[in-house]
Protein backbone atom coordinates (compact mmCIF):
# COMPACT_ATOMS: atom_id res chain seq x y z
CA UNK A 1 15.36 4.32 1.99
CA UNK A 2 13.51 5.12 5.23
CA UNK A 3 12.49 8.57 6.43
CA UNK A 4 14.23 9.25 9.77
CA UNK A 5 11.13 11.00 11.09
CA UNK A 6 8.26 8.65 10.20
CA UNK A 7 10.03 5.50 8.90
CA UNK A 8 8.04 5.47 5.67
CA UNK A 9 9.98 4.06 2.73
CA UNK A 10 10.90 5.92 -0.44
CA UNK A 11 13.31 5.82 -3.32
CA UNK A 12 16.50 7.83 -2.92
CA UNK A 13 15.10 10.73 -4.92
CA UNK A 14 11.64 10.62 -3.36
CA UNK A 15 12.97 10.76 0.20
CA UNK A 16 14.37 14.30 -0.07
CA UNK A 17 11.12 15.63 -1.50
CA UNK A 18 9.04 13.86 1.17
CA UNK A 19 11.24 15.16 4.02
CA UNK A 20 11.01 18.74 2.77
CA UNK A 21 7.26 18.69 2.03
CA UNK A 22 6.14 16.84 5.18
CA UNK A 23 8.71 17.51 7.91
CA UNK A 24 9.80 21.14 7.36
CA UNK A 25 7.74 24.29 7.95
CA UNK A 26 8.83 25.69 4.61
CA UNK A 27 7.61 22.60 2.78
CA UNK A 28 4.33 22.41 4.70
CA UNK A 29 3.57 26.05 3.86
CA UNK A 30 4.58 25.73 0.21
CA UNK A 31 1.75 26.41 -2.21
CA UNK A 32 2.52 25.21 -5.75
CA UNK A 33 1.50 27.26 -8.72
CA UNK A 34 -1.62 26.12 -10.50
CA UNK A 35 -0.65 23.84 -13.33
CA UNK A 36 -1.58 24.81 -16.83
CA UNK A 37 -3.55 22.36 -18.93
CA UNK A 38 -1.28 19.64 -20.35
CA UNK A 39 -0.28 20.07 -23.98
CA UNK A 40 -1.93 16.79 -24.97
CA UNK A 41 -5.30 17.41 -23.30
CA UNK A 42 -8.09 16.22 -25.61
CA UNK A 43 -5.64 14.67 -28.08
CA UNK A 44 -5.15 11.00 -28.95
CA UNK A 45 -3.01 8.92 -31.28
CA UNK A 46 -5.58 9.27 -34.07
CA UNK A 47 -5.67 13.07 -34.01
CA UNK A 48 -2.09 14.05 -33.16
CA UNK A 49 1.21 12.75 -34.57
CA UNK A 50 3.16 13.42 -31.36
CA UNK A 51 0.74 11.35 -29.25
CA UNK A 52 0.77 8.60 -31.89
CA UNK A 53 4.58 8.48 -31.86
CA UNK A 54 4.74 8.33 -28.05
CA UNK A 55 2.08 5.58 -27.95
CA UNK A 56 3.98 3.54 -30.51
CA UNK A 57 7.26 3.84 -28.54
CA UNK A 58 5.55 2.65 -25.34
CA UNK A 59 3.93 -0.27 -27.15
CA UNK A 60 7.27 -1.32 -28.71
CA UNK A 61 9.00 -1.19 -25.30
CA UNK A 62 6.35 -3.38 -23.67
CA UNK A 63 6.41 -5.88 -26.54
CA UNK A 64 10.20 -6.18 -26.30
CA UNK A 65 9.98 -6.92 -22.58
CA UNK A 66 7.31 -9.54 -23.17
CA UNK A 67 9.48 -11.27 -25.79
CA UNK A 68 12.45 -11.27 -23.40
CA UNK A 69 10.31 -12.83 -20.67
CA UNK A 70 10.54 -9.80 -18.39
CA UNK A 71 6.78 -9.37 -18.64
CA UNK A 72 4.18 -12.06 -19.21
CA UNK A 73 1.71 -9.60 -20.71
CA UNK A 74 -0.43 -6.81 -19.29
CA UNK A 75 -4.01 -6.00 -18.40
CA UNK A 76 -4.92 -2.32 -18.33
CA UNK A 77 -2.39 -0.35 -16.26
CA UNK A 78 -1.29 -3.35 -14.19
CA UNK A 79 1.26 -5.85 -15.44
CA UNK A 80 0.88 -9.56 -14.86
CA UNK A 81 4.40 -9.96 -13.52
CA UNK A 82 6.71 -12.84 -14.16
CA UNK A 83 6.93 -15.44 -11.39
CA UNK A 84 10.42 -14.19 -10.54
CA UNK A 85 9.10 -10.64 -10.09
CA UNK A 86 6.16 -11.80 -7.94
CA UNK A 87 8.47 -13.78 -5.65
CA UNK A 88 10.74 -10.74 -5.37
CA UNK A 89 7.76 -8.58 -4.38
CA UNK A 90 6.58 -11.11 -1.82
CA UNK A 91 9.98 -10.89 -0.14
CA UNK A 92 9.27 -7.24 0.59
CA UNK A 93 10.65 -5.40 -2.44
CA UNK A 94 8.04 -2.64 -2.47
CA UNK A 95 8.57 0.98 -1.48
CA UNK A 96 6.21 1.98 1.31
CA UNK A 97 2.52 2.66 0.91
CA UNK A 98 2.85 4.43 -2.44
CA UNK A 99 3.76 1.33 -4.42
CA UNK A 100 1.46 -1.65 -4.71
CA UNK A 101 3.17 -4.97 -4.03
CA UNK A 102 1.90 -8.13 -5.71
CA UNK A 103 2.04 -10.80 -3.00
CA UNK A 104 1.79 -14.47 -3.99
CA UNK A 105 -0.56 -16.02 -1.45
CA UNK A 106 -0.10 -19.67 -0.47
CA UNK A 107 -3.39 -20.46 -2.26
CA UNK A 108 -1.82 -19.30 -5.53
CA UNK A 109 -3.69 -16.00 -5.78
CA UNK A 110 -1.95 -12.66 -6.18
CA UNK A 111 -3.00 -10.13 -3.54
CA UNK A 112 -2.18 -6.41 -3.65
CA UNK A 113 -0.32 -5.21 -0.55
CA UNK A 114 0.89 -1.69 0.16
CA UNK A 115 3.95 -1.89 2.40
CA UNK A 116 6.82 -4.12 3.46
CA UNK A 117 5.17 -4.38 6.91
CA UNK A 118 2.12 -5.94 5.28
CA UNK A 119 4.30 -8.39 3.36
CA UNK A 120 6.04 -9.52 6.57
CA UNK A 121 2.70 -10.08 8.32
CA UNK A 122 1.20 -11.90 5.30
CA UNK A 123 4.17 -14.26 5.01
CA UNK A 124 4.08 -15.17 8.71
CA UNK A 125 0.31 -15.71 8.69
CA UNK A 126 0.71 -18.04 5.71
CA UNK A 127 3.64 -19.79 7.37
CA UNK A 128 1.45 -20.56 10.38
CA UNK A 129 -1.59 -21.52 8.27
CA UNK A 130 -3.68 -18.62 9.56
CA UNK A 131 -6.58 -17.75 7.27
CA UNK A 132 -6.72 -14.06 6.32
CA UNK A 133 -8.40 -11.77 3.83
CA UNK A 134 -8.16 -8.19 2.60
CA UNK A 135 -11.27 -6.65 4.23
CA UNK A 136 -13.65 -4.08 2.79
CA UNK A 137 -13.53 -0.48 3.95
CA UNK A 138 -15.18 0.57 7.21
CA UNK A 139 -17.03 3.88 7.64
CA UNK A 140 -16.36 6.20 10.56
CA UNK A 141 -17.21 9.78 11.63
CA UNK A 142 -14.72 12.41 12.75
CA UNK A 143 -15.35 15.01 15.47
CA UNK A 144 -17.08 17.26 12.93
CA UNK A 145 -19.40 14.36 12.03
CA UNK A 146 -17.85 13.99 8.57
CA UNK A 147 -17.95 10.50 7.09
CA UNK A 148 -14.70 8.73 6.12
CA UNK A 149 -13.55 5.30 4.98
CA UNK A 150 -11.00 3.30 6.94
CA UNK A 151 -9.11 0.44 5.26
CA UNK A 152 -7.79 -2.28 7.62
CA UNK A 153 -5.02 -4.37 6.10
CA UNK A 154 -6.01 -7.86 7.29
CA UNK A 155 -9.03 -9.69 8.65
CA UNK A 156 -8.68 -13.00 10.50
CA UNK A 157 -12.05 -14.81 10.19
CA UNK A 158 -11.21 -17.43 12.83
CA UNK A 159 -10.59 -14.73 15.44
CA UNK A 160 -12.92 -12.02 14.07
CA UNK A 161 -10.03 -9.56 14.38
CA UNK A 162 -8.75 -6.85 12.03
CA UNK A 163 -5.00 -6.11 11.81
CA UNK A 164 -3.31 -2.90 10.72
CA UNK A 165 0.53 -2.85 10.65
CA UNK A 166 1.86 0.72 11.00
CA UNK A 167 5.10 2.50 11.77
CA UNK A 168 5.37 4.43 15.04
CA UNK A 169 4.74 7.82 13.42
CA UNK A 170 1.49 6.70 11.80
CA UNK A 171 0.35 4.97 15.01
CA UNK A 172 0.60 8.27 16.89
CA UNK A 173 -0.89 10.26 14.02
CA UNK A 174 -3.90 7.97 13.62
CA UNK A 175 -4.62 7.26 17.30
CA UNK A 176 -7.88 9.24 17.48
CA UNK A 177 -9.12 7.85 14.17
CA UNK A 178 -8.52 4.25 15.26
CA UNK A 179 -10.32 4.82 18.55
CA UNK A 180 -13.32 6.21 16.67
CA UNK A 181 -13.32 3.33 14.18
CA UNK A 182 -13.33 0.72 16.95
CA UNK A 183 -15.97 2.45 19.07
CA UNK A 184 -18.34 3.39 16.24
CA UNK A 185 -18.22 -0.02 14.53
CA UNK A 186 -17.80 -2.21 17.62
CA UNK A 187 -15.00 -4.23 16.01
CA UNK A 188 -11.86 -5.97 17.20
CA UNK A 189 -8.88 -4.13 15.72
CA UNK A 190 -5.19 -4.43 16.53
CA UNK A 191 -2.57 -1.90 15.45
CA UNK A 192 0.71 -3.74 14.87
CA UNK A 193 4.03 -1.93 15.20
CA UNK A 194 7.36 -2.97 13.71
CA UNK A 195 8.23 -5.13 16.75
CA UNK A 196 5.06 -7.26 16.55
CA UNK A 197 4.78 -8.26 12.90
CA UNK A 198 5.01 -12.01 13.52
CA UNK A 199 2.12 -14.37 14.32
CA UNK A 200 3.39 -15.26 17.81
CA UNK A 201 3.18 -11.62 18.90
CA UNK A 202 -0.13 -11.08 17.12
CA UNK A 203 -1.60 -14.19 18.78
CA UNK A 204 -0.53 -12.94 22.21
CA UNK A 205 -2.06 -9.53 21.51
CA UNK A 206 -5.36 -11.15 20.53
CA UNK A 207 -5.35 -13.18 23.76
CA UNK A 208 -4.55 -10.18 25.96
CA UNK A 209 -7.07 -7.84 24.30
CA UNK A 210 -10.01 -10.00 23.28
CA UNK A 211 -9.91 -13.42 25.00
């Protein structure tokens, strides 16, 4: 579901919390109580029966899913998804920037994307055989001379251009930051809104801005 204020995507239950915390004065001024230390801090499955029981239940659940073919196995915290799941993700099944989306690139590699906007752009770049990569972070300084990292979403080597798909709310919110990033690093960077997520529009923007 999309937030009516900033168009970011959330689950049904996450949307209400986001709206209250971000778009109401009461939520913005809310100061949560300091959390107490979790009950299982410092414990593990070898020293505590409760932790051991919970760990065993999780392991059994994962193993059952692997046997049913839902999962193909796992590495650390990230599952190696089944082909069906990967294809579903690459069609834009993720929820906004808070959920990583495993996109199946045309070269067969799985690339982590962070929004449905990014998936749309990636698919159209692949469709038009445009080479792209996930670039490294770029440093920039704010008005107080504090150092930050900026993470563009795409880099097109052939055009030496960075792309960053954003919704209208985030475009307005990050305007000053983007201007500083471009000026301080002397790079070509295009901010792509929801109406320009296809290669034809991106190509025209590159021509009008940098050629």
